[in-house]
Amino acid sequence: ESRRGGTRGGKDQFNWESVKEDKHRENYLGHSLHASVGRWQKGRDLTWFAKARSAEAEQGRRELEAEKEEVRRKERAMIAQA
């Protein structure tokens, strides 16, 4: 049991909608995602970077990594030859 009553920090009173109108909204961590304002964010997926990659993109990444490894292997062989 807590010695102090009520809600410490006002968590129940916080609302991202009120942050949108706050003149100091840039001071809130996460304001660009949770309290975005303006036309630029309308209809856009602001969390695109946190989503899982598609299988096609993952395959392309693997192919690129294999190509880089092949170049590294060839460079090591050329250095050893010299």
C-alpha atoms as a PDB file:
ATOM      1  CA  GLU A   1       0.000   0.000   0.000  1.00  0.00           C
ATOM      2  CA  SER A   2       1.288   3.426  -0.918  1.00  0.00           C
ATOM      3  CA  ARG A   3       1.577   6.138   1.695  1.00  0.00           C
ATOM      4  CA  ARG A   4       0.496   8.728  -0.809  1.00  0.00           C
ATOM      5  CA  GLY A   5      -2.907   8.684  -2.388  1.00  0.00           C
ATOM      6  CA  GLY A   6      -3.909   9.672  -5.874  1.00  0.00           C
ATOM      7  CA  THR A   7      -2.001   9.150  -9.075  1.00  0.00           C
ATOM      8  CA  ARG A   8       1.614  10.128  -8.994  1.00  0.00           C
ATOM      9  CA  GLY A   9       2.678  11.835 -12.187  1.00  0.00           C
ATOM     10  CA  GLY A  10      -0.846  12.207 -13.548  1.00  0.00           C
ATOM     11  CA  LYS A  11      -0.649   9.180 -15.852  1.00  0.00           C
ATOM     12  CA  ASP A  12      -4.428   8.951 -15.960  1.00  0.00           C
ATOM     13  CA  GLN A  13      -4.647  12.612 -16.990  1.00  0.00           C
ATOM     14  CA  PHE A  14      -2.139  12.437 -19.861  1.00  0.00           C
ATOM     15  CA  ASN A  15      -3.530  12.517 -23.386  1.00  0.00           C
ATOM     16  CA  TRP A  16      -1.650  12.731 -26.688  1.00  0.00           C
ATOM     17  CA  GLU A  17      -4.470  14.798 -28.150  1.00  0.00           C
ATOM     18  CA  SER A  18      -3.745  17.551 -25.615  1.00  0.00           C
ATOM     19  CA  VAL A  19      -0.066  17.418 -26.604  1.00  0.00           C
ATOM     20  CA  LYS A  20      -1.044  18.277 -30.190  1.00  0.00           C
ATOM     21  CA  GLU A  21      -2.267  21.698 -29.065  1.00  0.00           C
ATOM     22  CA  ASP A  22       0.547  22.294 -26.561  1.00  0.00           C
ATOM     23  CA  LYS A  23       2.943  25.063 -27.637  1.00  0.00           C
ATOM     24  CA  HIS A  24       5.843  23.030 -26.185  1.00  0.00           C
ATOM     25  CA  ARG A  25       4.894  19.756 -27.872  1.00  0.00           C
ATOM     26  CA  GLU A  26       8.435  19.249 -29.212  1.00  0.00           C
ATOM     27  CA  ASN A  27       9.549  18.685 -25.608  1.00  0.00           C
ATOM     28  CA  TYR A  28       7.577  15.422 -25.360  1.00  0.00           C
ATOM     29  CA  LEU A  29       9.430  12.242 -26.278  1.00  0.00           C
ATOM     30  CA  GLY A  30       7.514  10.510 -29.046  1.00  0.00           C
ATOM     31  CA  HIS A  31       5.608  13.599 -30.156  1.00  0.00           C
ATOM     32  CA  SER A  32       6.421  13.032 -33.827  1.00  0.00           C
ATOM     33  CA  LEU A  33       4.608   9.675 -33.792  1.00  0.00           C
ATOM     34  CA  HIS A  34       1.891  10.075 -31.195  1.00  0.00           C
ATOM     35  CA  ALA A  35       1.013  13.741 -31.608  1.00  0.00           C
ATOM     36  CA  SER A  36       1.871  14.466 -35.221  1.00  0.00           C
ATOM     37  CA  VAL A  37       0.311  17.586 -36.666  1.00  0.00           C
ATOM     38  CA  GLY A  38       0.196  19.056 -40.135  1.00  0.00           C
ATOM     39  CA  ARG A  39      -0.612  17.874 -43.623  1.00  0.00           C
ATOM     40  CA  TRP A  40       2.580  15.916 -44.192  1.00  0.00           C
ATOM     41  CA  GLN A  41       1.551  13.012 -41.912  1.00  0.00           C
ATOM     42  CA  LYS A  42      -2.020  12.585 -43.179  1.00  0.00           C
ATOM     43  CA  GLY A  43      -2.454   9.066 -44.535  1.00  0.00           C
ATOM     44  CA  ARG A  44       1.199   8.140 -44.006  1.00  0.00           C
ATOM     45  CA  ASP A  45       2.504   5.196 -42.048  1.00  0.00           C
ATOM     46  CA  LEU A  46       4.729   6.868 -39.476  1.00  0.00           C
ATOM     47  CA  THR A  47       5.881   3.541 -38.020  1.00  0.00           C
ATOM     48  CA  TRP A  48       7.127   2.004 -41.278  1.00  0.00           C
ATOM     49  CA  PHE A  49      10.622   1.482 -39.866  1.00  0.00           C
ATOM     50  CA  ALA A  50       9.422  -0.772 -37.047  1.00  0.00           C
ATOM     51  CA  LYS A  51       7.523  -3.236 -39.199  1.00  0.00           C
ATOM     52  CA  ALA A  52       8.815  -6.621 -40.268  1.00  0.00           C
ATOM     53  CA  ARG A  53      10.487  -6.841 -43.633  1.00  0.00           C
ATOM     54  CA  SER A  54       8.802  -8.658 -46.454  1.00  0.00           C
ATOM     55  CA  ALA A  55      10.247 -11.973 -47.656  1.00  0.00           C
ATOM     56  CA  GLU A  56      11.226 -10.362 -50.966  1.00  0.00           C
ATOM     57  CA  ALA A  57      13.174  -7.569 -49.269  1.00  0.00           C
ATOM     58  CA  GLU A  58      14.819 -10.093 -46.950  1.00  0.00           C
ATOM     59  CA  GLN A  59      15.906 -12.203 -49.941  1.00  0.00           C
ATOM     60  CA  GLY A  60      17.397  -9.112 -51.627  1.00  0.00           C
ATOM     61  CA  ARG A  61      19.294  -8.294 -48.451  1.00  0.00           C
ATOM     62  CA  ARG A  62      20.687 -11.836 -48.292  1.00  0.00           C
ATOM     63  CA  GLU A  63      21.798 -11.687 -51.948  1.00  0.00           C
ATOM     64  CA  LEU A  64      23.536  -8.357 -51.365  1.00  0.00           C
ATOM     65  CA  GLU A  65      25.293  -9.738 -48.287  1.00  0.00           C
ATOM     66  CA  ALA A  66      26.446 -12.806 -50.280  1.00  0.00           C
ATOM     67  CA  GLU A  67      27.773 -10.549 -53.036  1.00  0.00           C
ATOM     68  CA  LYS A  68      29.694  -8.440 -50.508  1.00  0.00           C
ATOM     69  CA  GLU A  69      31.196 -11.565 -48.965  1.00  0.00           C
ATOM     70  CA  GLU A  70      32.295 -12.775 -52.425  1.00  0.00           C
ATOM     71  CA  VAL A  71      34.027  -9.426 -53.067  1.00  0.00           C
ATOM     72  CA  ARG A  72      35.762  -9.617 -49.679  1.00  0.00           C
ATOM     73  CA  ARG A  73      36.938 -13.165 -50.433  1.00  0.00           C
ATOM     74  CA  LYS A  74      38.331 -12.108 -53.825  1.00  0.00           C
ATOM     75  CA  GLU A  75      40.076  -9.087 -52.286  1.00  0.00           C
ATOM     76  CA  ARG A  76      41.711 -11.284 -49.627  1.00  0.00           C
ATOM     77  CA  ALA A  77      42.896 -13.680 -52.343  1.00  0.00           C
ATOM     78  CA  MET A  78      44.363 -10.809 -54.396  1.00  0.00           C
ATOM     79  CA  ILE A  79      46.157  -9.392 -51.327  1.00  0.00           C
ATOM     80  CA  ALA A  80      47.571 -12.826 -50.489  1.00  0.00           C
ATOM     81  CA  GLN A  81      48.771 -13.213 -54.074  1.00  0.00           C
ATOM     82  CA  ALA A  82      50.620  -9.887 -54.074  1.00  0.00           C
END
